[in-house]
PDB file of N, CA and C in Angstrom:
ATOM      1  N   MET A   1      76.279  81.074  83.326  1.00  0.00           N
ATOM      2  CA  MET A   1      75.221  81.770  82.709  1.00  0.00           C
ATOM      3  C   MET A   1      75.906  83.016  81.797  1.00  0.00           C
ATOM      4  N   ARG A   2      75.413  83.224  80.779  1.00  0.00           N
ATOM      5  CA  ARG A   2      75.989  84.306  79.856  1.00  0.00           C
ATOM      6  C   ARG A   2      75.384  85.676  80.011  1.00  0.00           C
ATOM      7  N   ARG A   3      76.174  86.676  80.324  1.00  0.00           N
ATOM      8  CA  ARG A   3      75.676  87.950  80.452  1.00  0.00           C
ATOM      9  C   ARG A   3      75.610  88.808  79.126  1.00  0.00           C
ATOM     10  N   MET A   4      74.611  89.673  79.070  1.00  0.00           N
ATOM     11  CA  MET A   4      74.625  90.464  77.865  1.00  0.00           C
ATOM     12  C   MET A   4      75.500  91.609  78.001  1.00  0.00           C
ATOM     13  N   MET A   5      76.298  91.755  76.785  1.00  0.00           N
ATOM     14  CA  MET A   5      77.347  92.750  76.900  1.00  0.00           C
ATOM     15  C   MET A   5      76.806  94.144  76.272  1.00  0.00           C
ATOM     16  N   ARG A   6      75.769  94.008  75.488  1.00  0.00           N
ATOM     17  CA  ARG A   6      75.247  95.143  74.882  1.00  0.00           C
ATOM     18  C   ARG A   6      73.804  95.320  75.214  1.00  0.00           C
ATOM     19  N   GLU A   7      73.260  96.501  75.083  1.00  0.00           N
ATOM     20  CA  GLU A   7      71.867  96.789  75.435  1.00  0.00           C
ATOM     21  C   GLU A   7      70.851  95.960  74.298  1.00  0.00           C
ATOM     22  N   PRO A   8      70.020  95.187  74.789  1.00  0.00           N
ATOM     23  CA  PRO A   8      69.090  94.492  73.896  1.00  0.00           C
ATOM     24  C   PRO A   8      68.127  95.496  73.346  1.00  0.00           C
ATOM     25  N   SER A   9      67.677  95.086  72.073  1.00  0.00           N
ATOM     26  CA  SER A   9      66.570  96.022  71.536  1.00  0.00           C
ATOM     27  C   SER A   9      65.324  95.937  72.429  1.00  0.00           C
ATOM     28  N   SER A  10      64.681  97.032  72.498  1.00  0.00           N
ATOM     29  CA  SER A  10      63.552  97.218  73.246  1.00  0.00           C
ATOM     30  C   SER A  10      62.224  97.212  72.493  1.00  0.00           C
ATOM     31  N   VAL A  11      61.209  97.264  73.199  1.00  0.00           N
ATOM     32  CA  VAL A  11      59.887  97.361  72.411  1.00  0.00           C
ATOM     33  C   VAL A  11      59.812  98.737  71.771  1.00  0.00           C
ATOM     34  N   ALA A  12      60.337  99.772  72.390  1.00  0.00           N
ATOM     35  CA  ALA A  12      60.325 101.112  71.824  1.00  0.00           C
ATOM     36  C   ALA A  12      61.224 101.184  70.555  1.00  0.00           C
ATOM     37  N   LEU A  13      62.373 100.503  70.585  1.00  0.00           N
ATOM     38  CA  LEU A  13      63.291 100.522  69.312  1.00  0.00           C
ATOM     39  C   LEU A  13      62.478  99.758  68.325  1.00  0.00           C
ATOM     40  N   PHE A  14      61.904  98.578  68.464  1.00  0.00           N
ATOM     41  CA  PHE A  14      61.325  97.856  67.438  1.00  0.00           C
ATOM     42  C   PHE A  14      60.101  98.756  66.833  1.00  0.00           C
ATOM     43  N   LEU A  15      59.292  99.282  67.775  1.00  0.00           N
ATOM     44  CA  LEU A  15      58.117 100.099  67.296  1.00  0.00           C
ATOM     45  C   LEU A  15      58.589 101.180  66.416  1.00  0.00           C
ATOM     46  N   LYS A  16      59.542 101.913  66.911  1.00  0.00           N
ATOM     47  CA  LYS A  16      60.073 103.087  66.224  1.00  0.00           C
ATOM     48  C   LYS A  16      60.729 102.780  64.904  1.00  0.00           C
ATOM     49  N   GLU A  17      61.684 101.893  64.892  1.00  0.00           N
ATOM     50  CA  GLU A  17      62.572 101.675  63.690  1.00  0.00           C
ATOM     51  C   GLU A  17      61.906 100.655  62.742  1.00  0.00           C
ATOM     52  N   ASP A  18      61.215  99.655  63.239  1.00  0.00           N
ATOM     53  CA  ASP A  18      60.740  98.591  62.389  1.00  0.00           C
ATOM     54  C   ASP A  18      59.338  98.635  62.006  1.00  0.00           C
ATOM     55  N   TYR A  19      58.614  99.554  62.610  1.00  0.00           N
ATOM     56  CA  TYR A  19      57.073  99.608  62.296  1.00  0.00           C
ATOM     57  C   TYR A  19      56.698 100.999  62.050  1.00  0.00           C
ATOM     58  N   MET A  20      56.992 102.024  62.893  1.00  0.00           N
ATOM     59  CA  MET A  20      56.285 103.329  62.771  1.00  0.00           C
ATOM     60  C   MET A  20      57.092 104.087  61.602  1.00  0.00           C
ATOM     61  N   GLN A  21      58.377 104.052  61.631  1.00  0.00           N
ATOM     62  CA  GLN A  21      59.134 104.759  60.556  1.00  0.00           C
ATOM     63  C   GLN A  21      58.771 104.202  59.146  1.00  0.00           C
ATOM     64  N   PRO A  22      58.902 102.906  58.949  1.00  0.00           N
ATOM     65  CA  PRO A  22      58.660 102.393  57.571  1.00  0.00           C
ATOM     66  C   PRO A  22      57.203 102.596  57.161  1.00  0.00           C
ATOM     67  N   LEU A  23      56.301 102.556  58.100  1.00  0.00           N
ATOM     68  CA  LEU A  23      54.951 102.820  57.799  1.00  0.00           C
ATOM     69  C   LEU A  23      54.553 104.158  57.699  1.00  0.00           C
ATOM     70  N   GLY A  24      55.418 105.035  58.132  1.00  0.00           N
ATOM     71  CA  GLY A  24      55.008 106.601  58.190  1.00  0.00           C
ATOM     72  C   GLY A  24      53.973 106.771  59.212  1.00  0.00           C
ATOM     73  N   CYS A  25      54.012 106.124  60.402  1.00  0.00           N
ATOM     74  CA  CYS A  25      52.963 106.133  61.268  1.00  0.00           C
ATOM     75  C   CYS A  25      53.491 106.909  62.509  1.00  0.00           C
ATOM     76  N   ASN A  26      52.577 107.845  62.935  1.00  0.00           N
ATOM     77  CA  ASN A  26      53.037 108.543  64.236  1.00  0.00           C
ATOM     78  C   ASN A  26      52.405 108.153  65.495  1.00  0.00           C
ATOM     79  N   ALA A  27      52.635 108.617  66.676  1.00  0.00           N
ATOM     80  CA  ALA A  27      52.132 108.111  67.864  1.00  0.00           C
ATOM     81  C   ALA A  27      50.655 108.310  67.998  1.00  0.00           C
ATOM     82  N   LYS A  28      50.155 109.271  67.491  1.00  0.00           N
ATOM     83  CA  LYS A  28      48.717 109.699  67.457  1.00  0.00           C
ATOM     84  C   LYS A  28      47.982 108.596  66.769  1.00  0.00           C
ATOM     85  N   VAL A  29      48.489 108.284  65.640  1.00  0.00           N
ATOM     86  CA  VAL A  29      47.704 107.273  64.792  1.00  0.00           C
ATOM     87  C   VAL A  29      47.792 105.927  65.386  1.00  0.00           C
ATOM     88  N   LEU A  30      49.056 105.485  65.798  1.00  0.00           N
ATOM     89  CA  LEU A  30      49.374 104.180  66.364  1.00  0.00           C
ATOM     90  C   LEU A  30      48.433 104.004  67.557  1.00  0.00           C
ATOM     91  N   SER A  31      48.584 104.902  68.544  1.00  0.00           N
ATOM     92  CA  SER A  31      47.799 104.807  69.757  1.00  0.00           C
ATOM     93  C   SER A  31      46.347 104.464  69.543  1.00  0.00           C
ATOM     94  N   ALA A  32      45.789 105.418  68.584  1.00  0.00           N
ATOM     95  CA  ALA A  32      44.321 105.172  68.195  1.00  0.00           C
ATOM     96  C   ALA A  32      44.153 103.710  67.609  1.00  0.00           C
ATOM     97  N   GLU A  33      44.931 103.241  66.912  1.00  0.00           N
ATOM     98  CA  GLU A  33      44.843 101.945  66.324  1.00  0.00           C
ATOM     99  C   GLU A  33      44.940 100.879  67.219  1.00  0.00           C
ATOM    100  N   LEU A  34      45.691 101.025  68.378  1.00  0.00           N
ATOM    101  CA  LEU A  34      45.896 100.074  69.468  1.00  0.00           C
ATOM    102  C   LEU A  34      44.911 100.258  70.612  1.00  0.00           C
ATOM    103  N   GLY A  35      44.136 101.394  70.528  1.00  0.00           N
ATOM    104  CA  GLY A  35      43.213 101.648  71.605  1.00  0.00           C
ATOM    105  C   GLY A  35      43.762 101.914  72.900  1.00  0.00           C
ATOM    106  N   ILE A  36      44.826 102.712  72.875  1.00  0.00           N
ATOM    107  CA  ILE A  36      45.601 103.261  74.019  1.00  0.00           C
ATOM    108  C   ILE A  36      45.775 104.784  73.910  1.00  0.00           C
ATOM    109  N   THR A  37      46.092 105.404  75.039  1.00  0.00           N
ATOM    110  CA  THR A  37      46.264 106.867  74.934  1.00  0.00           C
ATOM    111  C   THR A  37      47.595 107.080  74.271  1.00  0.00           C
ATOM    112  N   GLU A  38      47.621 108.259  73.580  1.00  0.00           N
ATOM    113  CA  GLU A  38      48.865 108.610  73.025  1.00  0.00           C
ATOM    114  C   GLU A  38      49.877 108.898  74.001  1.00  0.00           C
ATOM    115  N   GLU A  39      49.560 109.334  75.312  1.00  0.00           N
ATOM    116  CA  GLU A  39      50.575 109.501  76.375  1.00  0.00           C
ATOM    117  C   GLU A  39      51.205 108.251  76.715  1.00  0.00           C
ATOM    118  N   ARG A  40      50.298 107.160  76.860  1.00  0.00           N
ATOM    119  CA  ARG A  40      50.875 105.758  77.185  1.00  0.00           C
ATOM    120  C   ARG A  40      51.880 105.383  76.230  1.00  0.00           C
ATOM    121  N   LEU A  41      51.532 105.496  74.898  1.00  0.00           N
ATOM    122  CA  LEU A  41      52.418 105.057  73.723  1.00  0.00           C
ATOM    123  C   LEU A  41      53.753 105.940  73.881  1.00  0.00           C
ATOM    124  N   LEU A  42      53.559 107.207  74.144  1.00  0.00           N
ATOM    125  CA  LEU A  42      54.760 108.019  74.076  1.00  0.00           C
ATOM    126  C   LEU A  42      55.642 107.483  75.297  1.00  0.00           C
ATOM    127  N   ASN A  43      55.157 107.230  76.468  1.00  0.00           N
ATOM    128  CA  ASN A  43      55.826 106.751  77.615  1.00  0.00           C
ATOM    129  C   ASN A  43      56.544 105.380  77.248  1.00  0.00           C
ATOM    130  N   ILE A  44      55.833 104.558  76.553  1.00  0.00           N
ATOM    131  CA  ILE A  44      56.581 103.329  76.142  1.00  0.00           C
ATOM    132  C   ILE A  44      57.669 103.491  75.260  1.00  0.00           C
ATOM    133  N   LEU A  45      57.507 104.489  74.333  1.00  0.00           N
ATOM    134  CA  LEU A  45      58.551 104.793  73.372  1.00  0.00           C
ATOM    135  C   LEU A  45      59.704 105.425  73.954  1.00  0.00           C
ATOM    136  N   GLU A  46      59.533 106.073  75.213  1.00  0.00           N
ATOM    137  CA  GLU A  46      60.572 106.726  75.913  1.00  0.00           C
ATOM    138  C   GLU A  46      61.044 105.887  77.029  1.00  0.00           C
ATOM    139  N   HIS A  47      60.699 104.627  77.094  1.00  0.00           N
ATOM    140  CA  HIS A  47      61.182 103.632  78.113  1.00  0.00           C
ATOM    141  C   HIS A  47      60.781 104.048  79.472  1.00  0.00           C
ATOM    142  N   GLU A  48      59.704 104.838  79.598  1.00  0.00           N
ATOM    143  CA  GLU A  48      59.120 105.271  80.898  1.00  0.00           C
ATOM    144  C   GLU A  48      57.957 104.285  81.364  1.00  0.00           C
ATOM    145  N   GLU A  49      57.576 103.382  80.523  1.00  0.00           N
ATOM    146  CA  GLU A  49      56.380 102.405  80.815  1.00  0.00           C
ATOM    147  C   GLU A  49      56.706 101.183  79.969  1.00  0.00           C
ATOM    148  N   SER A  50      56.259 100.044  80.636  1.00  0.00           N
ATOM    149  CA  SER A  50      56.468  98.749  79.945  1.00  0.00           C
ATOM    150  C   SER A  50      55.041  98.363  79.483  1.00  0.00           C
ATOM    151  N   ILE A  51      55.164  97.489  78.474  1.00  0.00           N
ATOM    152  CA  ILE A  51      53.954  96.976  77.871  1.00  0.00           C
ATOM    153  C   ILE A  51      53.368  95.863  78.888  1.00  0.00           C
ATOM    154  N   ASP A  52      52.132  95.496  78.809  1.00  0.00           N
ATOM    155  CA  ASP A  52      51.623  94.355  79.495  1.00  0.00           C
ATOM    156  C   ASP A  52      51.083  93.448  78.453  1.00  0.00           C
ATOM    157  N   THR A  53      50.593  92.242  78.924  1.00  0.00           N
ATOM    158  CA  THR A  53      50.137  91.250  77.964  1.00  0.00           C
ATOM    159  C   THR A  53      49.078  91.573  77.063  1.00  0.00           C
ATOM    160  N   LYS A  54      48.124  92.504  77.741  1.00  0.00           N
ATOM    161  CA  LYS A  54      47.067  93.044  76.772  1.00  0.00           C
ATOM    162  C   LYS A  54      47.627  93.828  75.647  1.00  0.00           C
ATOM    163  N   LEU A  55      48.486  94.651  75.938  1.00  0.00           N
ATOM    164  CA  LEU A  55      49.193  95.525  74.917  1.00  0.00           C
ATOM    165  C   LEU A  55      49.856  94.663  73.917  1.00  0.00           C
ATOM    166  N   ALA A  56      50.691  93.592  74.404  1.00  0.00           N
ATOM    167  CA  ALA A  56      51.430  92.641  73.584  1.00  0.00           C
ATOM    168  C   ALA A  56      50.439  92.000  72.585  1.00  0.00           C
ATOM    169  N   TYR A  57      49.369  91.680  73.051  1.00  0.00           N
ATOM    170  CA  TYR A  57      48.278  91.036  72.065  1.00  0.00           C
ATOM    171  C   TYR A  57      47.872  91.990  71.059  1.00  0.00           C
ATOM    172  N   LYS A  58      47.593  93.241  71.358  1.00  0.00           N
ATOM    173  CA  LYS A  58      47.266  94.312  70.495  1.00  0.00           C
ATOM    174  C   LYS A  58      48.297  94.536  69.458  1.00  0.00           C
ATOM    175  N   LEU A  59      49.568  94.688  69.842  1.00  0.00           N
ATOM    176  CA  LEU A  59      50.679  94.823  68.910  1.00  0.00           C
ATOM    177  C   LEU A  59      50.875  93.691  68.045  1.00  0.00           C
ATOM    178  N   ALA A  60      50.635  92.444  68.564  1.00  0.00           N
ATOM    179  CA  ALA A  60      50.774  91.156  67.724  1.00  0.00           C
ATOM    180  C   ALA A  60      49.743  91.216  66.649  1.00  0.00           C
ATOM    181  N   LYS A  61      48.582  91.704  67.075  1.00  0.00           N
ATOM    182  CA  LYS A  61      47.510  91.632  66.141  1.00  0.00           C
ATOM    183  C   LYS A  61      47.721  92.698  65.068  1.00  0.00           C
ATOM    184  N   ARG A  62      48.032  93.931  65.532  1.00  0.00           N
ATOM    185  CA  ARG A  62      48.249  95.102  64.568  1.00  0.00           C
ATOM    186  C   ARG A  62      49.371  94.749  63.637  1.00  0.00           C
ATOM    187  N   PHE A  63      50.483  94.163  64.026  1.00  0.00           N
ATOM    188  CA  PHE A  63      51.664  93.983  63.134  1.00  0.00           C
ATOM    189  C   PHE A  63      51.840  92.475  62.702  1.00  0.00           C
ATOM    190  N   ASN A  64      50.857  91.787  62.846  1.00  0.00           N
ATOM    191  CA  ASN A  64      50.865  90.393  62.447  1.00  0.00           C
ATOM    192  C   ASN A  64      52.141  89.644  62.962  1.00  0.00           C
ATOM    193  N   THR A  65      52.345  89.687  64.233  1.00  0.00           N
ATOM    194  CA  THR A  65      53.384  89.064  64.902  1.00  0.00           C
ATOM    195  C   THR A  65      52.824  88.105  66.081  1.00  0.00           C
ATOM    196  N   ASP A  66      53.790  87.425  66.756  1.00  0.00           N
ATOM    197  CA  ASP A  66      53.307  86.660  67.907  1.00  0.00           C
ATOM    198  C   ASP A  66      53.441  87.590  69.192  1.00  0.00           C
ATOM    199  N   GLU A  67      52.370  87.407  70.122  1.00  0.00           N
ATOM    200  CA  GLU A  67      52.430  88.281  71.188  1.00  0.00           C
ATOM    201  C   GLU A  67      53.704  87.955  72.118  1.00  0.00           C
ATOM    202  N   ASP A  68      54.087  86.615  71.998  1.00  0.00           N
ATOM    203  CA  ASP A  68      55.287  86.291  72.810  1.00  0.00           C
ATOM    204  C   ASP A  68      56.470  86.984  72.307  1.00  0.00           C
ATOM    205  N   PHE A  69      56.595  87.390  71.064  1.00  0.00           N
ATOM    206  CA  PHE A  69      57.675  88.202  70.683  1.00  0.00           C
ATOM    207  C   PHE A  69      57.858  89.402  71.456  1.00  0.00           C
ATOM    208  N   TRP A  70      56.657  90.277  71.668  1.00  0.00           N
ATOM    209  CA  TRP A  70      56.722  91.488  72.190  1.00  0.00           C
ATOM    210  C   TRP A  70      57.027  91.284  73.799  1.00  0.00           C
ATOM    211  N   ILE A  71      56.441  90.170  74.552  1.00  0.00           N
ATOM    212  CA  ILE A  71      56.759  89.873  75.915  1.00  0.00           C
ATOM    213  C   ILE A  71      58.142  89.592  76.015  1.00  0.00           C
ATOM    214  N   LYS A  72      58.781  88.691  75.126  1.00  0.00           N
ATOM    215  CA  LYS A  72      60.149  88.380  75.313  1.00  0.00           C
ATOM    216  C   LYS A  72      61.095  89.582  75.146  1.00  0.00           C
ATOM    217  N   VAL A  73      60.850  90.400  74.192  1.00  0.00           N
ATOM    218  CA  VAL A  73      61.668  91.656  73.946  1.00  0.00           C
ATOM    219  C   VAL A  73      61.560  92.547  75.226  1.00  0.00           C
ATOM    220  N   GLN A  74      60.399  92.663  75.779  1.00  0.00           N
ATOM    221  CA  GLN A  74      60.187  93.482  77.004  1.00  0.00           C
ATOM    222  C   GLN A  74      61.008  92.814  78.180  1.00  0.00           C
ATOM    223  N   ALA A  75      60.955  91.531  78.250  1.00  0.00           N
ATOM    224  CA  ALA A  75      61.623  90.895  79.417  1.00  0.00           C
ATOM    225  C   ALA A  75      63.104  90.928  79.288  1.00  0.00           C
ATOM    226  N   ARG A  76      63.701  90.783  78.100  1.00  0.00           N
ATOM    227  CA  ARG A  76      65.080  90.826  77.741  1.00  0.00           C
ATOM    228  C   ARG A  76      65.623  92.223  78.240  1.00  0.00           C
ATOM    229  N   TYR A  77      64.939  93.282  77.793  1.00  0.00           N
ATOM    230  CA  TYR A  77      65.156  94.694  78.031  1.00  0.00           C
ATOM    231  C   TYR A  77      65.206  95.000  79.594  1.00  0.00           C
ATOM    232  N   LEU A  78      64.101  94.602  80.236  1.00  0.00           N
ATOM    233  CA  LEU A  78      64.043  94.819  81.623  1.00  0.00           C
ATOM    234  C   LEU A  78      65.181  94.124  82.438  1.00  0.00           C
ATOM    235  N   GLY A  79      65.331  92.742  81.882  1.00  0.00           N
ATOM    236  CA  GLY A  79      66.487  92.017  82.587  1.00  0.00           C
ATOM    237  C   GLY A  79      67.862  92.796  82.608  1.00  0.00           C
ATOM    238  N   TRP A  80      68.025  93.295  81.463  1.00  0.00           N
ATOM    239  CA  TRP A  80      69.292  93.941  81.176  1.00  0.00           C
ATOM    240  C   TRP A  80      69.474  95.220  82.134  1.00  0.00           C
ATOM    241  N   LYS A  81      68.369  96.039  82.163  1.00  0.00           N
ATOM    242  CA  LYS A  81      68.331  97.092  83.082  1.00  0.00           C
ATOM    243  C   LYS A  81      68.509  96.710  84.548  1.00  0.00           C
ATOM    244  N   GLU A  82      67.696  95.664  84.899  1.00  0.00           N
ATOM    245  CA  GLU A  82      67.812  95.260  86.363  1.00  0.00           C
ATOM    246  C   GLU A  82      69.274  94.667  86.724  1.00  0.00           C
ATOM    247  N   ASP A  83      70.059  94.332  85.707  1.00  0.00           N
ATOM    248  CA  ASP A  83      71.414  93.999  85.984  1.00  0.00           C
ATOM    249  C   ASP A  83      72.271  95.129  86.196  1.00  0.00           C
ATOM    250  N   GLY A  84      71.834  96.250  86.336  1.00  0.00           N
ATOM    251  CA  GLY A  84      72.585  97.538  86.404  1.00  0.00           C
ATOM    252  C   GLY A  84      72.945  98.313  85.271  1.00  0.00           C
ATOM    253  N   HIS A  85      72.407  98.002  84.101  1.00  0.00           N
ATOM    254  CA  HIS A  85      72.853  98.762  82.902  1.00  0.00           C
ATOM    255  C   HIS A  85      71.710  99.807  82.587  1.00  0.00           C
ATOM    256  N   GLU A  86      72.083 100.867  82.112  1.00  0.00           N
ATOM    257  CA  GLU A  86      71.093 101.891  81.618  1.00  0.00           C
ATOM    258  C   GLU A  86      71.481 102.669  80.386  1.00  0.00           C
TER     259      GLU A  86
END
């Protein structure tokens, strides 16, 4: 089995760098668009909370992606952390 040597991209990183920054979107606007609290989104952006399948669906719909993309990104990041990385 191959071990990851570097930190994988997280949902937070994708949201910040690939979506929010290019779109000029802040947490208040995005949380309203997703139908979640701003506090929850900020927790996700700070790696203090994970996304669930419901939010993965909302992210996929909002950004025209596949919800599996968000689930897989989350799983890879959590797996890396569980292997003792931080």
